[in-house]
PDB file of N, CA and C in Angstrom:
ATOM      1  N   MET A   1       0.994  -1.119   0.235  1.00  0.00           N
ATOM      2  CA  MET A   1       0.185  -0.323  -0.246  1.00  0.00           C
ATOM      3  C   MET A   1       0.908   1.120   0.163  1.00  0.00           C
ATOM      4  N   GLU A   2       0.675   2.260  -0.770  1.00  0.00           N
ATOM      5  CA  GLU A   2       1.268   3.066  -1.144  1.00  0.00           C
ATOM      6  C   GLU A   2       0.579   4.532   0.178  1.00  0.00           C
ATOM      7  N   LYS A   3       2.302   4.962   0.693  1.00  0.00           N
ATOM      8  CA  LYS A   3       2.174   6.000   1.823  1.00  0.00           C
ATOM      9  C   LYS A   3       1.656   6.936   1.180  1.00  0.00           C
ATOM     10  N   LYS A   4       1.185   8.095   2.122  1.00  0.00           N
ATOM     11  CA  LYS A   4       1.046   9.407   1.374  1.00  0.00           C
ATOM     12  C   LYS A   4       1.942  10.287   2.058  1.00  0.00           C
ATOM     13  N   ILE A   5       2.259  11.558   1.083  1.00  0.00           N
ATOM     14  CA  ILE A   5       2.888  12.485   1.440  1.00  0.00           C
ATOM     15  C   ILE A   5       2.309  13.531   1.602  1.00  0.00           C
ATOM     16  N   TYR A   6       2.806  14.474   2.406  1.00  0.00           N
ATOM     17  CA  TYR A   6       2.160  15.477   3.304  1.00  0.00           C
ATOM     18  C   TYR A   6       3.149  16.651   3.073  1.00  0.00           C
ATOM     19  N   LEU A   7       2.644  18.100   2.722  1.00  0.00           N
ATOM     20  CA  LEU A   7       4.008  19.208   2.601  1.00  0.00           C
ATOM     21  C   LEU A   7       2.867  20.256   3.003  1.00  0.00           C
ATOM     22  N   PHE A   8       3.793  21.136   4.126  1.00  0.00           N
ATOM     23  CA  PHE A   8       3.727  21.783   4.674  1.00  0.00           C
ATOM     24  C   PHE A   8       4.062  23.140   4.304  1.00  0.00           C
ATOM     25  N   GLY A   9       3.829  24.465   4.166  1.00  0.00           N
ATOM     26  CA  GLY A   9       4.327  25.364   3.856  1.00  0.00           C
ATOM     27  C   GLY A   9       3.449  26.687   3.511  1.00  0.00           C
ATOM     28  N   LYS A  10       3.987  27.753   2.996  1.00  0.00           N
ATOM     29  CA  LYS A  10       3.511  29.409   2.506  1.00  0.00           C
ATOM     30  C   LYS A  10       3.578  29.369   1.051  1.00  0.00           C
ATOM     31  N   GLN A  11       2.252  30.378   0.686  1.00  0.00           N
ATOM     32  CA  GLN A  11       2.495  30.705  -0.486  1.00  0.00           C
ATOM     33  C   GLN A  11       3.928  31.759  -0.817  1.00  0.00           C
ATOM     34  N   ASP A  12       4.529  32.534   0.375  1.00  0.00           N
ATOM     35  CA  ASP A  12       5.218  33.089  -0.072  1.00  0.00           C
ATOM     36  C   ASP A  12       6.489  32.171   0.080  1.00  0.00           C
ATOM     37  N   CYS A  13       6.798  31.423   0.142  1.00  0.00           N
ATOM     38  CA  CYS A  13       7.948  29.925   0.892  1.00  0.00           C
ATOM     39  C   CYS A  13       8.963  30.047  -0.891  1.00  0.00           C
ATOM     40  N   GLY A  14       9.953  30.263  -1.477  1.00  0.00           N
ATOM     41  CA  GLY A  14      10.534  29.651  -2.128  1.00  0.00           C
ATOM     42  C   GLY A  14      10.450  28.365  -1.998  1.00  0.00           C
ATOM     43  N   LEU A  15      11.171  27.496  -1.344  1.00  0.00           N
ATOM     44  CA  LEU A  15      11.772  26.287  -1.586  1.00  0.00           C
ATOM     45  C   LEU A  15      10.287  25.389  -1.103  1.00  0.00           C
ATOM     46  N   CYS A  16       9.272  26.423  -0.855  1.00  0.00           N
ATOM     47  CA  CYS A  16       7.382  25.219  -0.490  1.00  0.00           C
ATOM     48  C   CYS A  16       6.961  25.024  -1.251  1.00  0.00           C
ATOM     49  N   GLN A  17       7.417  26.313  -2.445  1.00  0.00           N
ATOM     50  CA  GLN A  17       6.926  26.183  -3.536  1.00  0.00           C
ATOM     51  C   GLN A  17       7.399  25.288  -5.012  1.00  0.00           C
ATOM     52  N   GLY A  18       8.916  25.399  -5.108  1.00  0.00           N
ATOM     53  CA  GLY A  18       9.576  25.101  -5.358  1.00  0.00           C
ATOM     54  C   GLY A  18       9.347  22.603  -5.031  1.00  0.00           C
ATOM     55  N   TRP A  19       8.738  22.709  -3.833  1.00  0.00           N
ATOM     56  CA  TRP A  19       8.140  20.718  -4.013  1.00  0.00           C
ATOM     57  C   TRP A  19       7.455  21.002  -4.552  1.00  0.00           C
ATOM     58  N   LYS A  20       6.103  21.707  -4.637  1.00  0.00           N
ATOM     59  CA  LYS A  20       5.355  21.583  -5.046  1.00  0.00           C
ATOM     60  C   LYS A  20       5.141  21.321  -5.967  1.00  0.00           C
ATOM     61  N   LYS A  21       6.263  22.167  -7.134  1.00  0.00           N
ATOM     62  CA  LYS A  21       6.599  22.009  -8.533  1.00  0.00           C
ATOM     63  C   LYS A  21       7.205  20.747  -8.771  1.00  0.00           C
ATOM     64  N   LYS A  22       8.184  20.124  -8.007  1.00  0.00           N
ATOM     65  CA  LYS A  22       9.126  19.006  -8.271  1.00  0.00           C
ATOM     66  C   LYS A  22       8.014  17.828  -8.432  1.00  0.00           C
ATOM     67  N   LEU A  23       7.080  17.728  -6.921  1.00  0.00           N
ATOM     68  CA  LEU A  23       6.018  16.974  -7.040  1.00  0.00           C
ATOM     69  C   LEU A  23       5.206  16.693  -8.090  1.00  0.00           C
ATOM     70  N   GLU A  24       4.409  17.760  -8.682  1.00  0.00           N
ATOM     71  CA  GLU A  24       3.526  17.623 -10.038  1.00  0.00           C
ATOM     72  C   GLU A  24       4.409  17.524 -10.618  1.00  0.00           C
ATOM     73  N   ASN A  25       5.530  18.132 -10.867  1.00  0.00           N
ATOM     74  CA  ASN A  25       6.486  17.900 -12.279  1.00  0.00           C
ATOM     75  C   ASN A  25       6.217  16.128 -12.812  1.00  0.00           C
ATOM     76  N   PHE A  26       6.566  15.432 -11.362  1.00  0.00           N
ATOM     77  CA  PHE A  26       7.151  13.798 -11.328  1.00  0.00           C
ATOM     78  C   PHE A  26       5.743  12.859 -11.085  1.00  0.00           C
ATOM     79  N   ASN A  27       4.289  13.759 -11.204  1.00  0.00           N
ATOM     80  CA  ASN A  27       3.195  13.047 -10.910  1.00  0.00           C
ATOM     81  C   ASN A  27       3.181  12.592  -9.554  1.00  0.00           C
ATOM     82  N   VAL A  28       3.534  13.131  -8.595  1.00  0.00           N
ATOM     83  CA  VAL A  28       3.737  12.358  -7.333  1.00  0.00           C
ATOM     84  C   VAL A  28       2.727  13.274  -6.117  1.00  0.00           C
ATOM     85  N   GLN A  29       1.682  12.239  -5.860  1.00  0.00           N
ATOM     86  CA  GLN A  29       0.184  12.533  -5.567  1.00  0.00           C
ATOM     87  C   GLN A  29       0.776  13.032  -3.936  1.00  0.00           C
ATOM     88  N   PHE A  30       0.204  14.334  -3.391  1.00  0.00           N
ATOM     89  CA  PHE A  30       1.014  14.835  -2.065  1.00  0.00           C
ATOM     90  C   PHE A  30      -0.323  15.650  -1.730  1.00  0.00           C
ATOM     91  N   SER A  31      -0.432  15.884  -0.490  1.00  0.00           N
ATOM     92  CA  SER A  31      -1.931  16.905   0.150  1.00  0.00           C
ATOM     93  C   SER A  31      -0.737  17.767   0.089  1.00  0.00           C
ATOM     94  N   TYR A  32      -0.814  18.992   0.037  1.00  0.00           N
ATOM     95  CA  TYR A  32      -0.394  21.127   0.819  1.00  0.00           C
ATOM     96  C   TYR A  32      -0.937  21.598   1.608  1.00  0.00           C
ATOM     97  N   PHE A  33      -0.496  21.872   2.845  1.00  0.00           N
ATOM     98  CA  PHE A  33      -0.963  22.834   3.462  1.00  0.00           C
ATOM     99  C   PHE A  33      -0.694  23.754   3.934  1.00  0.00           C
ATOM    100  N   ASP A  34      -1.236  25.181   3.555  1.00  0.00           N
ATOM    101  CA  ASP A  34      -0.790  26.081   4.013  1.00  0.00           C
ATOM    102  C   ASP A  34      -0.926  26.795   5.377  1.00  0.00           C
ATOM    103  N   ILE A  35      -0.271  26.904   6.065  1.00  0.00           N
ATOM    104  CA  ILE A  35      -0.105  27.353   7.455  1.00  0.00           C
ATOM    105  C   ILE A  35      -0.259  28.512   8.057  1.00  0.00           C
ATOM    106  N   ASP A  36      -0.453  29.275   6.851  1.00  0.00           N
ATOM    107  CA  ASP A  36      -1.305  30.596   7.015  1.00  0.00           C
ATOM    108  C   ASP A  36      -2.629  30.219   7.345  1.00  0.00           C
ATOM    109  N   ASP A  37      -3.190  29.219   7.403  1.00  0.00           N
ATOM    110  CA  ASP A  37      -4.464  28.699   8.013  1.00  0.00           C
ATOM    111  C   ASP A  37      -4.065  28.431   9.114  1.00  0.00           C
ATOM    112  N   PRO A  38      -4.987  28.976  10.233  1.00  0.00           N
ATOM    113  CA  PRO A  38      -4.975  28.122  11.183  1.00  0.00           C
ATOM    114  C   PRO A  38      -4.640  27.152  11.603  1.00  0.00           C
ATOM    115  N   ASP A  39      -5.927  26.164  11.188  1.00  0.00           N
ATOM    116  CA  ASP A  39      -6.261  24.596  11.815  1.00  0.00           C
ATOM    117  C   ASP A  39      -4.626  24.018  11.437  1.00  0.00           C
ATOM    118  N   ASN A  40      -4.230  24.511  10.229  1.00  0.00           N
ATOM    119  CA  ASN A  40      -3.009  23.496   9.283  1.00  0.00           C
ATOM    120  C   ASN A  40      -1.877  24.228  10.360  1.00  0.00           C
ATOM    121  N   LEU A  41      -1.780  25.195  10.825  1.00  0.00           N
ATOM    122  CA  LEU A  41      -0.846  25.468  11.615  1.00  0.00           C
ATOM    123  C   LEU A  41      -0.796  25.045  12.984  1.00  0.00           C
ATOM    124  N   THR A  42      -2.205  24.420  13.606  1.00  0.00           N
ATOM    125  CA  THR A  42      -2.347  23.686  14.301  1.00  0.00           C
ATOM    126  C   THR A  42      -1.449  22.196  14.500  1.00  0.00           C
ATOM    127  N   ASP A  43      -2.208  21.921  13.369  1.00  0.00           N
ATOM    128  CA  ASP A  43      -1.380  20.268  12.800  1.00  0.00           C
ATOM    129  C   ASP A  43      -0.031  20.293  12.668  1.00  0.00           C
ATOM    130  N   PHE A  44       0.679  20.990  12.255  1.00  0.00           N
ATOM    131  CA  PHE A  44       2.197  21.431  11.697  1.00  0.00           C
ATOM    132  C   PHE A  44       2.958  21.662  12.793  1.00  0.00           C
ATOM    133  N   THR A  45       2.012  22.397  14.128  1.00  0.00           N
ATOM    134  CA  THR A  45       3.064  22.115  15.431  1.00  0.00           C
ATOM    135  C   THR A  45       2.569  21.235  16.179  1.00  0.00           C
ATOM    136  N   LEU A  46       1.720  20.511  16.226  1.00  0.00           N
ATOM    137  CA  LEU A  46       1.263  19.439  16.871  1.00  0.00           C
ATOM    138  C   LEU A  46       2.641  17.835  16.339  1.00  0.00           C
ATOM    139  N   MET A  47       2.523  18.220  15.203  1.00  0.00           N
ATOM    140  CA  MET A  47       3.395  17.094  14.734  1.00  0.00           C
ATOM    141  C   MET A  47       5.189  17.531  14.808  1.00  0.00           C
ATOM    142  N   GLY A  48       5.479  18.699  15.496  1.00  0.00           N
ATOM    143  CA  GLY A  48       6.209  18.859  16.611  1.00  0.00           C
ATOM    144  C   GLY A  48       7.445  20.104  15.418  1.00  0.00           C
ATOM    145  N   PHE A  49       6.808  20.436  14.269  1.00  0.00           N
ATOM    146  CA  PHE A  49       7.549  20.818  12.613  1.00  0.00           C
ATOM    147  C   PHE A  49       7.901  22.150  13.633  1.00  0.00           C
ATOM    148  N   THR A  50       8.897  22.910  13.497  1.00  0.00           N
ATOM    149  CA  THR A  50       9.790  24.369  13.230  1.00  0.00           C
ATOM    150  C   THR A  50       9.662  25.398  11.912  1.00  0.00           C
ATOM    151  N   LYS A  51       9.840  24.514  11.130  1.00  0.00           N
ATOM    152  CA  LYS A  51      10.663  24.762   9.988  1.00  0.00           C
ATOM    153  C   LYS A  51       9.523  24.732   8.841  1.00  0.00           C
ATOM    154  N   ILE A  52       9.438  25.466   7.429  1.00  0.00           N
ATOM    155  CA  ILE A  52       9.097  24.686   6.474  1.00  0.00           C
ATOM    156  C   ILE A  52      10.290  25.109   5.484  1.00  0.00           C
ATOM    157  N   PRO A  53       9.533  24.827   4.031  1.00  0.00           N
ATOM    158  CA  PRO A  53       8.744  23.822   4.083  1.00  0.00           C
ATOM    159  C   PRO A  53       8.899  21.993   5.558  1.00  0.00           C
ATOM    160  N   ALA A  54       8.013  21.682   5.657  1.00  0.00           N
ATOM    161  CA  ALA A  54       8.189  20.858   6.511  1.00  0.00           C
ATOM    162  C   ALA A  54       7.564  19.502   5.525  1.00  0.00           C
ATOM    163  N   LEU A  55       7.837  18.223   5.483  1.00  0.00           N
ATOM    164  CA  LEU A  55       7.284  17.411   4.453  1.00  0.00           C
ATOM    165  C   LEU A  55       7.167  15.877   5.440  1.00  0.00           C
ATOM    166  N   VAL A  56       5.945  14.974   5.760  1.00  0.00           N
ATOM    167  CA  VAL A  56       6.155  13.667   5.497  1.00  0.00           C
ATOM    168  C   VAL A  56       5.658  12.937   4.348  1.00  0.00           C
ATOM    169  N   ILE A  57       6.966  12.091   4.804  1.00  0.00           N
ATOM    170  CA  ILE A  57       6.706  10.985   3.519  1.00  0.00           C
ATOM    171  C   ILE A  57       6.438  10.160   4.358  1.00  0.00           C
ATOM    172  N   GLY A  58       5.233   9.148   4.411  1.00  0.00           N
ATOM    173  CA  GLY A  58       5.117   7.481   4.968  1.00  0.00           C
ATOM    174  C   GLY A  58       5.913   7.629   6.188  1.00  0.00           C
ATOM    175  N   GLU A  59       6.423   7.679   7.387  1.00  0.00           N
ATOM    176  CA  GLU A  59       6.239   7.473   8.463  1.00  0.00           C
ATOM    177  C   GLU A  59       8.049   8.194   8.543  1.00  0.00           C
ATOM    178  N   ASN A  60       8.426   9.252   7.464  1.00  0.00           N
ATOM    179  CA  ASN A  60       9.217   9.618   7.910  1.00  0.00           C
ATOM    180  C   ASN A  60       9.152  11.695   7.764  1.00  0.00           C
ATOM    181  N   LYS A  61       9.821  12.429   8.212  1.00  0.00           N
ATOM    182  CA  LYS A  61       9.331  13.906   8.483  1.00  0.00           C
ATOM    183  C   LYS A  61      10.787  14.235   8.123  1.00  0.00           C
ATOM    184  N   PHE A  62      10.893  15.438   7.286  1.00  0.00           N
ATOM    185  CA  PHE A  62      11.884  16.432   7.097  1.00  0.00           C
ATOM    186  C   PHE A  62      11.491  17.853   7.292  1.00  0.00           C
ATOM    187  N   GLU A  63      11.900  18.981   7.660  1.00  0.00           N
ATOM    188  CA  GLU A  63      11.940  19.667   7.373  1.00  0.00           C
ATOM    189  C   GLU A  63      12.914  20.825   7.131  1.00  0.00           C
ATOM    190  N   GLY A  64      12.488  22.202   6.580  1.00  0.00           N
ATOM    191  CA  GLY A  64      14.056  22.632   6.274  1.00  0.00           C
ATOM    192  C   GLY A  64      14.576  22.319   5.464  1.00  0.00           C
ATOM    193  N   ILE A  65      13.774  21.438   4.478  1.00  0.00           N
ATOM    194  CA  ILE A  65      14.373  20.617   3.314  1.00  0.00           C
ATOM    195  C   ILE A  65      14.143  21.226   2.317  1.00  0.00           C
ATOM    196  N   ARG A  66      15.898  21.514   1.104  1.00  0.00           N
ATOM    197  CA  ARG A  66      15.521  21.710   0.056  1.00  0.00           C
ATOM    198  C   ARG A  66      14.902  20.957  -0.792  1.00  0.00           C
ATOM    199  N   PRO A  67      14.460  21.162  -2.272  1.00  0.00           N
ATOM    200  CA  PRO A  67      13.717  20.262  -3.240  1.00  0.00           C
ATOM    201  C   PRO A  67      14.501  19.491  -3.687  1.00  0.00           C
ATOM    202  N   SER A  68      16.147  19.615  -3.789  1.00  0.00           N
ATOM    203  CA  SER A  68      17.911  19.245  -4.965  1.00  0.00           C
ATOM    204  C   SER A  68      18.448  17.749  -3.016  1.00  0.00           C
ATOM    205  N   GLU A  69      17.424  18.146  -2.173  1.00  0.00           N
ATOM    206  CA  GLU A  69      18.466  17.202  -0.960  1.00  0.00           C
ATOM    207  C   GLU A  69      17.345  15.560  -1.196  1.00  0.00           C
ATOM    208  N   LEU A  70      16.328  15.632  -1.817  1.00  0.00           N
ATOM    209  CA  LEU A  70      15.768  13.938  -1.957  1.00  0.00           C
ATOM    210  C   LEU A  70      15.491  14.242  -3.438  1.00  0.00           C
ATOM    211  N   SER A  71      15.757  13.180  -3.511  1.00  0.00           N
ATOM    212  CA  SER A  71      15.429  12.433  -5.335  1.00  0.00           C
ATOM    213  C   SER A  71      14.303  11.456  -5.560  1.00  0.00           C
ATOM    214  N   ILE A  72      13.771  11.808  -6.513  1.00  0.00           N
ATOM    215  CA  ILE A  72      12.355  11.526  -6.719  1.00  0.00           C
ATOM    216  C   ILE A  72      12.511   9.684  -6.482  1.00  0.00           C
ATOM    217  N   GLU A  73      13.407   9.602  -6.482  1.00  0.00           N
ATOM    218  CA  GLU A  73      13.719   7.998  -6.311  1.00  0.00           C
ATOM    219  C   GLU A  73      13.927   7.215  -5.014  1.00  0.00           C
ATOM    220  N   GLU A  74      14.536   8.620  -4.112  1.00  0.00           N
ATOM    221  CA  GLU A  74      14.467   8.181  -2.471  1.00  0.00           C
ATOM    222  C   GLU A  74      13.003   8.511  -2.267  1.00  0.00           C
ATOM    223  N   ILE A  75      12.269   9.081  -2.674  1.00  0.00           N
ATOM    224  CA  ILE A  75      10.454   9.879  -2.374  1.00  0.00           C
ATOM    225  C   ILE A  75       9.365   8.071  -2.933  1.00  0.00           C
ATOM    226  N   LYS A  76       9.960   7.799  -3.506  1.00  0.00           N
ATOM    227  CA  LYS A  76       9.225   6.827  -4.302  1.00  0.00           C
ATOM    228  C   LYS A  76       9.527   5.798  -3.138  1.00  0.00           C
ATOM    229  N   LYS A  77      10.944   5.212  -3.268  1.00  0.00           N
ATOM    230  CA  LYS A  77      10.869   4.286  -2.205  1.00  0.00           C
ATOM    231  C   LYS A  77      10.617   4.463  -0.906  1.00  0.00           C
ATOM    232  N   MET A  78      10.080   5.518  -0.136  1.00  0.00           N
ATOM    233  CA  MET A  78       9.680   5.818   1.013  1.00  0.00           C
ATOM    234  C   MET A  78       8.009   5.434   0.851  1.00  0.00           C
ATOM    235  N   ILE A  79       7.549   6.016   0.154  1.00  0.00           N
ATOM    236  CA  ILE A  79       5.916   6.167  -0.282  1.00  0.00           C
ATOM    237  C   ILE A  79       6.014   4.046  -0.646  1.00  0.00           C
ATOM    238  N   GLY A  80       6.743   3.737  -1.269  1.00  0.00           N
ATOM    239  CA  GLY A  80       6.489   2.007  -1.677  1.00  0.00           C
ATOM    240  C   GLY A  80       5.995   1.975  -2.469  1.00  0.00           C
ATOM    241  N   SER A  81       6.132   2.749  -4.053  1.00  0.00           N
ATOM    242  CA  SER A  81       5.790   3.332  -5.318  1.00  0.00           C
ATOM    243  C   SER A  81       7.064   2.512  -6.099  1.00  0.00           C
TER     244      SER A  81
END
């Protein structure tokens, strides 16, 4: 079973937008949560994150990570695809 990808970010965050573009370009399914929304900010905080972009890929958590730091192959391996 394929695991989910969650991306927490903001519209004015270049790295966040870079992650969105990378995942979209490789047709990788993900859910995006803008932390300017108070509900999303609460979830972001409860997950222990302090920096954006924050990614949850299966059981793996990353924050403040650049899109170039994880390859699509590594991501697909994490989600079992």
